[in-house]
Amino acid sequence: MSEVKKIATRESYGNALTELGKKHEDVVVLDADLAAATKTGMFKKAFPERFIDCGIAESNLMGVAAGIATTGKVPFASTFAMFAAGRAFEQVRNSIGYPKLNVKIGATHAGISVGEDGATHQCNEDIALMRTIPGMVVINPSDDVEARAAVEAAYEHQGPVYMRFGRLAVPVINDRPDYKFEIGKGVTLREGKDVTIIATGLPVSNSLEAAEKLAADGIDAKVINIHTIKPLDEELVVAAAKETGKVVTVEEHSIIGGLGSAVCDVLAAQAPTKVLKIGINDTYGESGPAVELVKKYGLDADSIYAKVKAFCE
């Protein structure tokens, strides 16, 4: 079997910004002294006159981005998720969200797969925080293809967008001719009739692998990739729940306030269904190799398989 191509979505972000800069002169990229890690350094090298390093001052970064947006430019404010959503929440809420400014936030190093940086940098709360801001679009791409498409779609969208990217290289699963990215539209990756697995970000590829293992046990799992958590593809979620009768959500994020909560909100109102939420339980992460942490916190293919199998039985 040939080796699966793996790319970190933070790399995809840097590459996509550079390509976007070639096509659109109104793109401005801002960073908070992390250009090498967030990969915005690629854009800086290509367009130094359109790159602003705001230093280790993330709240100010968001204020500067807001100001630039009022001039008609399209700023991409970039830093780690812990700082973009956590430290600068007030500025994102009041300076970007409240006036509905056209700012795009590129948040890298999200989730436990940040690895050795440990619990202080492993942001498992950012989706929950950003979901609460009125009008904020929240995107969590699953691979390189989707991340690049998300950056392009964010530019085209008028209004604030939060994009979540990872540090760990993940398999490329969307490299097919018929792939289409559309904000607010989920993607059915596998049909099934016994249970629906709805995943976002890093665990999408692992969920697909888990579905293959389940098939060997006679459990036919539908797999849906939800790259846009807000606005959620309610129609797809409800239809899948009605079709299979059981739903499992999988996310590299707290089970409180993230994809699982968004799905449960919709199903409780439109199609009450039994739901299992797989994600980071009410706990902090810890320092360690990213792959080992993904396994320890139950987001690898074997763990997802075991949990879904038990849920179905």
Protein backbone atom coordinates (compact mmCIF):
# COMPACT_ATOMS: atom_id res chain seq x y z
CA MET A 1 0.00 0.00 0.00
CA SER A 2 1.41 3.40 -0.95
CA GLU A 3 2.18 5.90 1.79
CA VAL A 4 -0.64 8.38 2.42
CA LYS A 5 0.39 11.99 1.86
CA LYS A 6 0.32 13.99 5.10
CA ILE A 7 0.43 17.78 5.50
CA ALA A 8 -0.21 19.98 8.53
CA THR A 9 -3.08 22.38 7.91
CA ARG A 10 -0.96 25.26 9.28
CA GLU A 11 1.32 24.65 6.26
CA SER A 12 -1.75 24.79 4.04
CA TYR A 13 -2.67 28.13 5.62
CA GLY A 14 0.70 29.66 4.78
CA ASN A 15 0.63 28.35 1.23
CA ALA A 16 -2.96 29.48 0.67
CA LEU A 17 -2.27 33.00 1.95
CA THR A 18 0.65 33.33 -0.45
CA GLU A 19 -1.48 32.24 -3.40
CA LEU A 20 -4.27 34.57 -2.28
CA GLY A 21 -1.81 37.46 -2.09
CA LYS A 22 -0.82 36.91 -5.72
CA LYS A 23 -4.44 37.22 -6.84
CA HIS A 24 -5.69 39.95 -4.50
CA GLU A 25 -3.73 43.09 -3.62
CA ASP A 26 -6.12 43.95 -0.77
CA VAL A 27 -4.97 40.97 1.33
CA VAL A 28 -2.95 41.98 4.40
CA VAL A 29 -1.49 39.42 6.83
CA LEU A 30 -0.82 40.13 10.49
CA ASP A 31 0.99 37.93 13.00
CA ALA A 32 2.02 38.03 16.65
CA ASP A 33 5.70 37.11 16.51
CA LEU A 34 4.89 33.54 15.40
CA ALA A 35 5.33 33.74 11.61
CA ALA A 36 7.60 30.69 11.51
CA ALA A 37 5.12 28.57 13.45
CA THR A 38 1.89 29.81 11.86
CA LYS A 39 3.58 29.65 8.43
CA THR A 40 2.59 33.23 7.59
CA GLY A 41 6.31 33.73 7.04
CA MET A 42 5.66 32.44 3.50
CA PHE A 43 3.43 35.44 2.83
CA LYS A 44 5.93 37.78 4.52
CA LYS A 45 8.68 36.61 2.19
CA ALA A 46 6.50 37.12 -0.91
CA PHE A 47 4.79 40.36 0.15
CA PRO A 48 6.78 42.07 2.93
CA GLU A 49 4.96 45.37 2.36
CA ARG A 50 1.62 43.69 3.17
CA PHE A 51 2.78 41.87 6.30
CA ILE A 52 2.59 43.33 9.81
CA ASP A 53 4.19 41.73 12.87
CA CYS A 54 2.34 43.07 15.88
CA GLY A 55 4.65 41.35 18.35
CA ILE A 56 3.51 39.32 21.34
CA ALA A 57 0.40 41.45 21.77
CA GLU A 58 -2.52 39.42 20.45
CA SER A 59 -5.27 41.72 21.72
CA ASN A 60 -3.62 44.61 19.90
CA LEU A 61 -3.27 42.36 16.83
CA MET A 62 -7.05 42.02 16.65
CA GLY A 63 -7.54 45.76 17.10
CA VAL A 64 -5.08 46.52 14.31
CA ALA A 65 -6.83 44.00 12.05
CA ALA A 66 -10.17 45.64 12.81
CA GLY A 67 -8.77 49.06 11.90
CA ILE A 68 -7.32 47.76 8.63
CA ALA A 69 -10.68 46.20 7.72
CA THR A 70 -12.34 49.62 7.95
CA THR A 71 -10.08 50.82 5.10
CA GLY A 72 -11.41 48.20 2.69
CA LYS A 73 -8.45 45.85 2.98
CA VAL A 74 -8.95 42.18 3.94
CA PRO A 75 -6.79 41.39 6.98
CA PHE A 76 -5.87 37.85 8.04
CA ALA A 77 -4.98 38.00 11.74
CA SER A 78 -2.81 35.01 12.61
CA THR A 79 -1.60 33.44 15.85
CA PHE A 80 -2.06 30.30 17.95
CA ALA A 81 -5.69 29.35 18.71
CA MET A 82 -5.07 29.74 22.44
CA PHE A 83 -4.21 33.41 21.90
CA ALA A 84 -6.59 34.21 19.03
CA ALA A 85 -9.69 32.84 20.74
CA GLY A 86 -8.55 32.87 24.35
CA ARG A 87 -6.37 35.86 25.13
CA ALA A 88 -7.96 38.16 22.55
CA PHE A 89 -11.60 37.09 23.00
CA GLU A 90 -12.80 40.52 24.10
CA GLN A 91 -11.21 42.26 21.11
CA VAL A 92 -12.53 39.66 18.69
CA ARG A 93 -16.01 40.04 20.19
CA ASN A 94 -16.15 43.83 20.54
CA SER A 95 -13.79 45.16 17.87
CA ILE A 96 -14.45 42.61 15.10
CA GLY A 97 -17.72 40.79 15.79
CA TYR A 98 -19.86 43.63 17.10
CA PRO A 99 -19.21 46.00 14.13
CA LYS A 100 -19.32 42.99 11.75
CA LEU A 101 -15.91 43.80 10.29
CA ASN A 102 -14.39 41.82 7.43
CA VAL A 103 -11.55 40.27 9.44
CA LYS A 104 -10.33 36.70 8.91
CA ILE A 105 -8.72 34.98 11.89
CA GLY A 106 -6.22 32.22 11.16
CA ALA A 107 -5.80 30.25 14.39
CA THR A 108 -3.09 27.60 14.26
CA HIS A 109 -1.87 25.04 16.80
CA ALA A 110 -5.38 24.14 17.97
CA GLY A 111 -6.24 21.07 20.05
CA ILE A 112 -4.15 18.49 21.90
CA SER A 113 -2.08 17.70 18.79
CA VAL A 114 0.00 20.77 19.66
CA GLY A 115 1.86 18.10 21.64
CA GLU A 116 4.82 18.99 23.80
CA ASP A 117 3.71 22.61 24.34
CA GLY A 118 1.25 21.19 26.85
CA ALA A 119 -2.09 22.16 28.37
CA THR A 120 -1.49 25.92 28.38
CA HIS A 121 -1.15 25.97 24.57
CA GLN A 122 -3.57 23.14 23.65
CA CYS A 123 -6.72 25.13 22.98
CA ASN A 124 -9.73 22.82 23.22
CA GLU A 125 -12.19 25.66 23.85
CA ASP A 126 -11.86 27.91 20.79
CA ILE A 127 -14.77 26.54 18.74
CA ALA A 128 -17.08 26.98 21.73
CA LEU A 129 -15.89 30.56 22.26
CA MET A 130 -16.12 31.60 18.62
CA ARG A 131 -19.54 29.97 18.14
CA THR A 132 -20.99 32.37 20.68
CA ILE A 133 -20.00 35.50 18.75
CA PRO A 134 -22.97 36.64 16.61
CA GLY A 135 -22.24 36.49 12.89
CA MET A 136 -18.89 34.69 13.27
CA VAL A 137 -18.27 31.90 10.75
CA VAL A 138 -16.30 29.00 12.28
CA ILE A 139 -14.32 26.68 10.00
CA ASN A 140 -12.24 23.63 11.00
CA PRO A 141 -10.74 21.97 7.88
CA SER A 142 -9.79 18.29 7.83
CA ASP A 143 -6.81 18.33 5.48
CA ASP A 144 -4.59 20.32 3.11
CA VAL A 145 -7.13 20.49 0.26
CA GLU A 146 -9.90 21.68 2.56
CA ALA A 147 -7.70 24.17 4.42
CA ARG A 148 -6.62 25.85 1.19
CA ALA A 149 -10.22 26.00 -0.01
CA ALA A 150 -11.30 27.43 3.36
CA VAL A 151 -8.85 30.34 3.09
CA GLU A 152 -10.15 31.18 -0.38
CA ALA A 153 -13.78 30.92 0.79
CA ALA A 154 -13.04 33.07 3.84
CA TYR A 155 -11.67 35.80 1.58
CA GLU A 156 -14.79 35.69 -0.59
CA HIS A 157 -17.12 35.79 2.43
CA GLN A 158 -18.10 39.26 3.65
CA GLY A 159 -17.79 39.33 7.42
CA PRO A 160 -15.73 37.83 10.25
CA VAL A 161 -14.39 34.28 9.86
CA TYR A 162 -12.51 32.09 12.36
CA MET A 163 -10.38 29.34 10.81
CA ARG A 164 -8.79 26.59 12.90
CA PHE A 165 -5.56 24.89 11.80
CA GLY A 166 -3.37 22.18 13.31
CA ARG A 167 0.32 21.59 13.97
CA LEU A 168 0.33 17.84 13.30
CA ALA A 169 0.56 16.55 9.71
CA VAL A 170 -2.70 14.82 8.75
CA PRO A 171 -3.65 12.59 5.77
CA VAL A 172 -4.89 14.28 2.60
CA ILE A 173 -8.37 12.81 2.06
CA ASN A 174 -10.11 15.36 -0.17
CA ASP A 175 -7.83 15.22 -3.22
CA ARG A 176 -10.49 14.19 -5.71
CA PRO A 177 -11.91 15.98 -8.77
CA ASP A 178 -15.46 16.24 -7.41
CA TYR A 179 -14.47 17.87 -4.10
CA LYS A 180 -16.24 21.16 -3.51
CA PHE A 181 -15.89 23.47 -0.51
CA GLU A 182 -18.85 25.60 0.45
CA ILE A 183 -19.22 27.47 3.75
CA GLY A 184 -22.03 25.91 5.76
CA LYS A 185 -22.21 22.67 3.75
CA GLY A 186 -21.04 19.34 5.13
CA VAL A 187 -19.53 16.58 3.00
CA THR A 188 -20.70 12.96 3.07
CA LEU A 189 -17.54 10.87 2.77
CA ARG A 190 -19.10 7.43 3.26
CA GLU A 191 -22.66 6.16 3.07
CA GLY A 192 -24.06 3.93 5.80
CA LYS A 193 -27.33 2.89 7.41
CA ASP A 194 -26.54 1.83 11.00
CA VAL A 195 -24.89 4.89 12.56
CA THR A 196 -23.74 8.35 11.49
CA ILE A 197 -20.27 9.57 12.45
CA ILE A 198 -20.04 13.35 12.17
CA ALA A 199 -16.45 14.53 12.46
CA THR A 200 -14.51 17.76 12.08
CA GLY A 201 -10.83 18.61 11.63
CA LEU A 202 -8.05 16.17 12.53
CA PRO A 203 -10.30 13.18 13.48
CA VAL A 204 -12.09 13.05 10.10
CA SER A 205 -9.52 10.74 8.52
CA ASN A 206 -9.44 8.61 11.69
CA SER A 207 -13.24 8.38 11.60
CA LEU A 208 -13.10 7.07 8.04
CA GLU A 209 -10.60 4.44 9.12
CA ALA A 210 -12.80 3.54 12.09
CA ALA A 211 -15.76 3.11 9.72
CA GLU A 212 -13.80 0.54 7.72
CA LYS A 213 -13.07 -1.40 10.91
CA LEU A 214 -16.76 -1.23 11.86
CA ALA A 215 -17.74 -2.55 8.43
CA ALA A 216 -15.66 -5.67 9.11
CA ASP A 217 -17.88 -6.21 12.16
CA GLY A 218 -21.07 -5.74 10.14
CA ILE A 219 -21.73 -2.15 11.29
CA ASP A 220 -22.44 0.14 8.34
CA ALA A 221 -21.35 3.66 9.33
CA LYS A 222 -22.10 6.83 7.42
CA VAL A 223 -19.27 9.38 7.76
CA ILE A 224 -19.87 13.11 7.41
CA ASN A 225 -17.16 15.77 7.40
CA ILE A 226 -18.39 19.01 8.95
CA HIS A 227 -15.77 21.60 8.07
CA THR A 228 -18.04 24.53 8.94
CA ILE A 229 -19.34 24.34 12.49
CA LYS A 230 -21.08 27.69 12.21
CA PRO A 231 -23.26 27.96 10.22
CA LEU A 232 -23.91 24.23 10.64
CA ASP A 233 -25.37 22.15 7.81
CA GLU A 234 -28.56 21.42 9.74
CA GLU A 235 -30.33 19.80 6.80
CA LEU A 236 -27.57 17.21 6.33
CA VAL A 237 -27.30 16.49 10.07
CA VAL A 238 -31.04 15.99 10.51
CA ALA A 239 -31.38 13.83 7.39
CA ALA A 240 -28.51 11.58 8.50
CA ALA A 241 -29.93 11.23 12.01
CA LYS A 242 -33.33 10.22 10.64
CA GLU A 243 -31.68 7.76 8.27
CA THR A 244 -29.47 5.92 10.76
CA GLY A 245 -31.12 6.60 14.13
CA LYS A 246 -27.80 6.99 15.94
CA VAL A 247 -25.22 9.82 15.77
CA VAL A 248 -21.63 10.02 16.97
CA THR A 249 -19.72 13.32 16.87
CA VAL A 250 -15.91 13.36 16.83
CA GLU A 251 -13.76 16.44 17.42
CA GLU A 252 -10.32 17.46 18.68
CA HIS A 253 -12.01 19.91 21.02
CA SER A 254 -13.90 19.86 24.28
CA ILE A 255 -17.16 17.92 24.14
CA ILE A 256 -18.64 21.04 25.76
CA GLY A 257 -19.63 23.75 23.28
CA GLY A 258 -18.06 22.38 20.10
CA LEU A 259 -19.31 20.30 17.19
CA GLY A 260 -21.07 17.81 19.47
CA SER A 261 -23.00 20.56 21.22
CA ALA A 262 -23.92 22.20 17.89
CA VAL A 263 -25.23 18.88 16.54
CA CYS A 264 -27.17 18.17 19.74
CA ASP A 265 -28.77 21.63 19.62
CA VAL A 266 -30.10 20.93 16.14
CA LEU A 267 -31.24 17.36 16.78
CA ALA A 268 -32.96 18.23 20.07
CA ALA A 269 -35.07 20.77 18.20
CA GLN A 270 -35.68 18.96 14.92
CA ALA A 271 -35.06 15.21 15.24
CA PRO A 272 -34.41 13.86 18.77
CA THR A 273 -31.72 11.20 18.35
CA LYS A 274 -29.36 9.28 20.61
CA VAL A 275 -25.95 10.98 20.38
CA LEU A 276 -22.47 9.99 21.57
CA LYS A 277 -19.94 12.83 21.78
CA ILE A 278 -16.28 11.87 21.31
CA GLY A 279 -13.76 14.58 22.07
CA ILE A 280 -11.76 16.01 24.95
CA ASN A 281 -13.76 15.33 28.09
CA ASP A 282 -13.99 17.98 30.81
CA THR A 283 -10.23 18.03 31.30
CA TYR A 284 -7.02 19.80 30.29
CA GLY A 285 -4.48 18.26 27.95
CA GLU A 286 -0.87 17.50 28.86
CA SER A 287 2.61 17.59 27.37
CA GLY A 288 3.62 14.69 25.12
CA PRO A 289 4.11 13.55 21.52
CA ALA A 290 1.09 14.59 19.44
CA VAL A 291 0.33 11.12 18.06
CA GLU A 292 0.45 9.62 21.56
CA LEU A 293 -1.86 12.31 22.92
CA VAL A 294 -4.37 11.74 20.12
CA LYS A 295 -4.38 8.07 21.12
CA LYS A 296 -4.53 8.70 24.89
CA TYR A 297 -7.46 11.07 24.53
CA GLY A 298 -9.37 8.62 22.34
CA LEU A 299 -9.26 10.31 18.95
CA ASP A 300 -7.28 7.69 17.00
CA ALA A 301 -9.04 5.27 14.64
CA ASP A 302 -8.94 2.32 17.06
CA SER A 303 -10.45 4.33 19.90
CA ILE A 304 -13.19 5.78 17.71
CA TYR A 305 -13.96 2.30 16.37
CA ALA A 306 -14.24 0.84 19.88
CA LYS A 307 -16.46 3.64 21.17
CA VAL A 308 -18.81 3.58 18.17
CA LYS A 309 -19.06 -0.22 18.28
CA ALA A 310 -19.99 -0.16 21.98
CA PHE A 311 -22.50 2.63 21.29
CA CYS A 312 -24.18 0.61 18.53
CA GLU A 313 -24.34 -2.54 20.64
